[in-house]
Amino acid sequence: MKGVLGNALKQAQRLQEEMAKLECTGESGAGLVQVVVNGRHDVKSVKIAPELLGEDVAMLEDLLAAAVN
């Protein structure tokens, strides 16, 4: 039983490490805002289309929140 549990824990740890390497991209505003997050929920990058930089800050914040979610 001890060996089975140990193997299961090692396999779970390997799976967790592999999941951490995965990246997911969320976008909103038809791609105007993109956020890349890894399996550990760390934001790796944020891209904002230049045409949004002159826009209302509240709209940009809403688009960023939508992309992350």
Protein backbone atom coordinates (compact mmCIF):
# COMPACT_ATOMS: atom_id res chain seq x y z
CA MET A 1 0.00 0.00 0.00
CA LYS A 2 2.84 2.40 0.87
CA GLY A 3 4.44 1.97 -2.57
CA VAL A 4 1.16 2.57 -4.37
CA LEU A 5 0.54 5.79 -2.44
CA GLY A 6 4.10 6.97 -3.03
CA ASN A 7 3.79 6.33 -6.77
CA ALA A 8 0.46 8.16 -6.89
CA LEU A 9 1.97 11.18 -5.12
CA LYS A 10 4.94 11.25 -7.52
CA GLN A 11 2.60 11.04 -10.49
CA ALA A 12 0.44 13.86 -9.08
CA GLN A 13 3.54 16.01 -8.58
CA ARG A 14 4.68 15.40 -12.18
CA LEU A 15 1.22 16.28 -13.44
CA GLN A 16 1.21 19.48 -11.39
CA GLU A 17 4.60 20.46 -12.84
CA GLU A 18 3.36 19.84 -16.38
CA MET A 19 0.18 21.85 -15.76
CA ALA A 20 2.29 24.78 -14.52
CA LYS A 21 4.03 24.88 -17.92
CA LEU A 22 0.77 25.27 -19.83
CA GLU A 23 -0.23 28.73 -20.99
CA CYS A 24 -3.67 30.06 -21.77
CA THR A 25 -4.53 33.26 -23.62
CA GLY A 26 -7.65 35.23 -22.78
CA GLU A 27 -8.81 38.08 -24.92
CA SER A 28 -11.56 40.65 -25.04
CA GLY A 29 -12.67 43.45 -27.32
CA ALA A 30 -12.19 41.28 -30.43
CA GLY A 31 -8.52 40.78 -29.53
CA LEU A 32 -7.78 44.37 -28.54
CA VAL A 33 -6.70 43.18 -25.08
CA GLN A 34 -4.89 39.86 -24.58
CA VAL A 35 -3.63 38.29 -21.36
CA VAL A 36 -1.45 35.15 -21.17
CA VAL A 37 -1.61 33.16 -17.91
CA ASN A 38 0.27 30.00 -16.94
CA GLY A 39 -1.02 26.96 -15.05
CA ARG A 40 -0.02 28.57 -11.76
CA HIS A 41 -2.35 31.51 -12.53
CA ASP A 42 0.62 33.85 -13.01
CA VAL A 43 0.00 36.55 -15.62
CA LYS A 44 2.86 36.12 -18.11
CA SER A 45 2.00 38.98 -20.45
CA VAL A 46 -0.57 41.66 -21.16
CA LYS A 47 -0.98 43.12 -24.65
CA ILE A 48 -3.10 46.20 -25.29
CA ALA A 49 -3.77 47.42 -28.81
CA PRO A 50 -2.28 50.90 -29.31
CA GLU A 51 -5.61 52.32 -30.45
CA LEU A 52 -7.04 51.71 -26.95
CA LEU A 53 -4.47 53.85 -25.17
CA GLY A 54 -6.34 57.05 -25.97
CA GLU A 55 -9.65 55.57 -24.83
CA ASP A 56 -11.50 55.83 -21.56
CA VAL A 57 -9.52 54.21 -18.72
CA ALA A 58 -12.66 52.55 -17.27
CA MET A 59 -13.31 50.76 -20.57
CA LEU A 60 -9.70 49.57 -20.72
CA GLU A 61 -9.96 48.24 -17.15
CA ASP A 62 -13.16 46.39 -18.02
CA LEU A 63 -11.55 44.84 -21.12
CA LEU A 64 -8.51 43.76 -19.08
CA ALA A 65 -10.73 42.14 -16.43
CA ALA A 66 -12.71 40.36 -19.16
CA ALA A 67 -9.53 39.04 -20.78
CA VAL A 68 -8.16 37.70 -17.48
CA ASN A 69 -11.46 36.05 -16.58
